[in-house]
Amino acid sequence: MKRELSFVARKLEDVKLSIVDIQDPEIAYEYLQKCKPDLLISDVKMPYLSGDKLVEGVKKLYPDLPVIVVTGFATKENILSVYKSDKNSIILSKPWEPERLVAAVNQMLGTNFNWND
């Protein structure tokens, strides 16, 4: 995702994209308590803290923060747990298509990124 979003942003002169990639959800939550991002992208299945619990905690800090949740396990249970945390989030199934990722970012941020192979 980082590579794909960087590729899209690199083609635009007036866009500066800063991506913070944190693998540990507990460290991510600590970071998010100090710094509010424009968008949160999280996986559902993570060690120590599930994605829905991370989203739930972050939404208490930043209720209007746009969220994209990625999952390789798009079960009804996982989808419902995410929507309980944030009804406005977008869920992307793995493997995602770059066009769908870019469309989700555009929808959440109101941007007009364009994916061209």
Protein backbone atom coordinates (compact mmCIF):
# COMPACT_ATOMS: atom_id res chain seq x y z
CA MET A 1 0.00 0.00 0.00
CA LYS A 2 2.79 2.37 0.88
CA ARG A 3 4.46 1.77 -2.48
CA GLU A 4 1.20 2.17 -4.41
CA LEU A 5 0.16 5.37 -2.64
CA SER A 6 3.65 6.84 -2.98
CA PHE A 7 3.56 6.04 -6.71
CA VAL A 8 0.26 7.87 -7.13
CA ALA A 9 1.35 10.91 -5.10
CA ARG A 10 4.71 11.15 -6.87
CA LYS A 11 2.91 12.02 -10.09
CA LEU A 12 1.28 15.08 -8.49
CA GLU A 13 3.34 18.20 -7.92
CA ASP A 14 1.04 19.82 -5.38
CA VAL A 15 0.67 16.78 -3.11
CA LYS A 16 3.01 15.90 -0.29
CA LEU A 17 2.36 12.46 1.13
CA SER A 18 3.80 11.33 4.43
CA ILE A 19 3.20 7.68 5.32
CA VAL A 20 3.94 6.37 8.79
CA ASP A 21 4.20 2.59 8.71
CA ILE A 22 3.90 0.95 12.13
CA GLN A 23 3.68 -2.82 12.33
CA ASP A 24 2.77 -3.17 16.02
CA PRO A 25 -0.79 -2.01 16.81
CA GLU A 26 0.06 -1.07 20.41
CA ILE A 27 2.90 1.17 19.23
CA ALA A 28 0.58 2.56 16.55
CA TYR A 29 -1.99 3.46 19.21
CA GLU A 30 0.68 5.20 21.31
CA TYR A 31 1.82 7.14 18.24
CA LEU A 32 -1.76 8.08 17.35
CA GLN A 33 -2.33 9.49 20.83
CA LYS A 34 0.38 12.05 20.04
CA CYS A 35 -0.13 12.64 16.31
CA LYS A 36 -3.41 12.82 14.40
CA PRO A 37 -3.11 11.54 10.84
CA ASP A 38 -5.36 12.50 7.94
CA LEU A 39 -6.23 8.83 7.38
CA LEU A 40 -5.77 5.54 9.25
CA ILE A 41 -5.28 2.30 7.35
CA SER A 42 -5.32 -0.78 9.56
CA ASP A 43 -5.47 -4.54 9.18
CA VAL A 44 -8.13 -6.50 11.07
CA LYS A 45 -5.96 -9.39 12.24
CA MET A 46 -2.91 -8.24 14.17
CA PRO A 47 -1.06 -9.55 17.20
CA TYR A 48 -1.91 -8.15 20.64
CA LEU A 49 -4.63 -5.75 19.48
CA SER A 50 -7.16 -6.45 16.73
CA GLY A 51 -7.84 -3.86 14.06
CA ASP A 52 -11.38 -3.26 15.24
CA LYS A 53 -10.12 -2.55 18.78
CA LEU A 54 -7.44 -0.21 17.40
CA VAL A 55 -10.08 1.65 15.37
CA GLU A 56 -12.39 1.80 18.39
CA GLY A 57 -9.64 3.36 20.54
CA VAL A 58 -8.54 5.80 17.85
CA LYS A 59 -12.14 6.88 17.19
CA LYS A 60 -12.42 7.89 20.85
CA LEU A 61 -9.47 10.22 20.26
CA TYR A 62 -10.47 11.39 16.78
CA PRO A 63 -14.16 10.68 16.05
CA ASP A 64 -13.99 12.13 12.52
CA LEU A 65 -10.79 10.36 11.43
CA PRO A 66 -11.29 8.52 8.12
CA VAL A 67 -10.45 4.81 8.37
CA ILE A 68 -9.72 2.09 5.82
CA VAL A 69 -9.57 -1.44 7.22
CA VAL A 70 -7.88 -4.22 5.28
CA THR A 71 -8.61 -7.89 5.81
CA GLY A 72 -7.78 -11.22 4.31
CA PHE A 73 -10.67 -12.62 6.32
CA ALA A 74 -13.73 -10.75 5.06
CA THR A 75 -16.15 -12.74 7.17
CA LYS A 76 -19.47 -11.34 8.31
CA GLU A 77 -18.12 -11.32 11.89
CA ASN A 78 -15.02 -9.29 10.95
CA ILE A 79 -17.01 -6.82 8.88
CA LEU A 80 -19.57 -6.30 11.65
CA SER A 81 -16.83 -5.82 14.27
CA VAL A 82 -15.24 -3.10 12.14
CA TYR A 83 -18.56 -1.37 11.54
CA LYS A 84 -19.29 -1.41 15.27
CA SER A 85 -16.08 0.57 15.74
CA ASP A 86 -16.73 2.93 12.83
CA LYS A 87 -19.75 2.85 10.56
CA ASN A 88 -18.05 5.18 8.06
CA SER A 89 -14.96 3.07 7.48
CA ILE A 90 -14.18 1.30 4.24
CA ILE A 91 -13.20 -2.36 4.25
CA LEU A 92 -10.79 -3.64 1.59
CA SER A 93 -10.34 -7.36 1.07
CA LYS A 94 -6.88 -8.81 0.49
CA PRO A 95 -5.49 -8.99 -2.03
CA TRP A 96 -6.62 -5.50 -2.93
CA GLU A 97 -6.44 -3.95 -6.36
CA PRO A 98 -4.47 -0.69 -6.59
CA GLU A 99 -7.43 1.02 -8.27
CA ARG A 100 -9.69 0.09 -5.34
CA LEU A 101 -7.14 1.33 -2.80
CA VAL A 102 -6.80 4.65 -4.60
CA ALA A 103 -10.59 4.96 -4.91
CA ALA A 104 -10.97 4.30 -1.16
CA VAL A 105 -8.37 6.96 -0.31
CA ASN A 106 -10.10 9.40 -2.65
CA GLN A 107 -13.46 8.67 -1.04
CA MET A 108 -12.15 9.09 2.50
CA LEU A 109 -10.01 12.18 1.91
CA GLY A 110 -11.86 13.89 -0.92
CA THR A 111 -8.75 13.71 -3.07
CA ASN A 112 -8.53 13.02 -6.77
CA PHE A 113 -5.62 10.61 -7.03
CA ASN A 114 -5.55 8.63 -10.27
CA TRP A 115 -4.14 5.14 -10.69
CA ASN A 116 -2.52 4.50 -14.05
CA ASP A 117 -0.40 1.41 -14.59
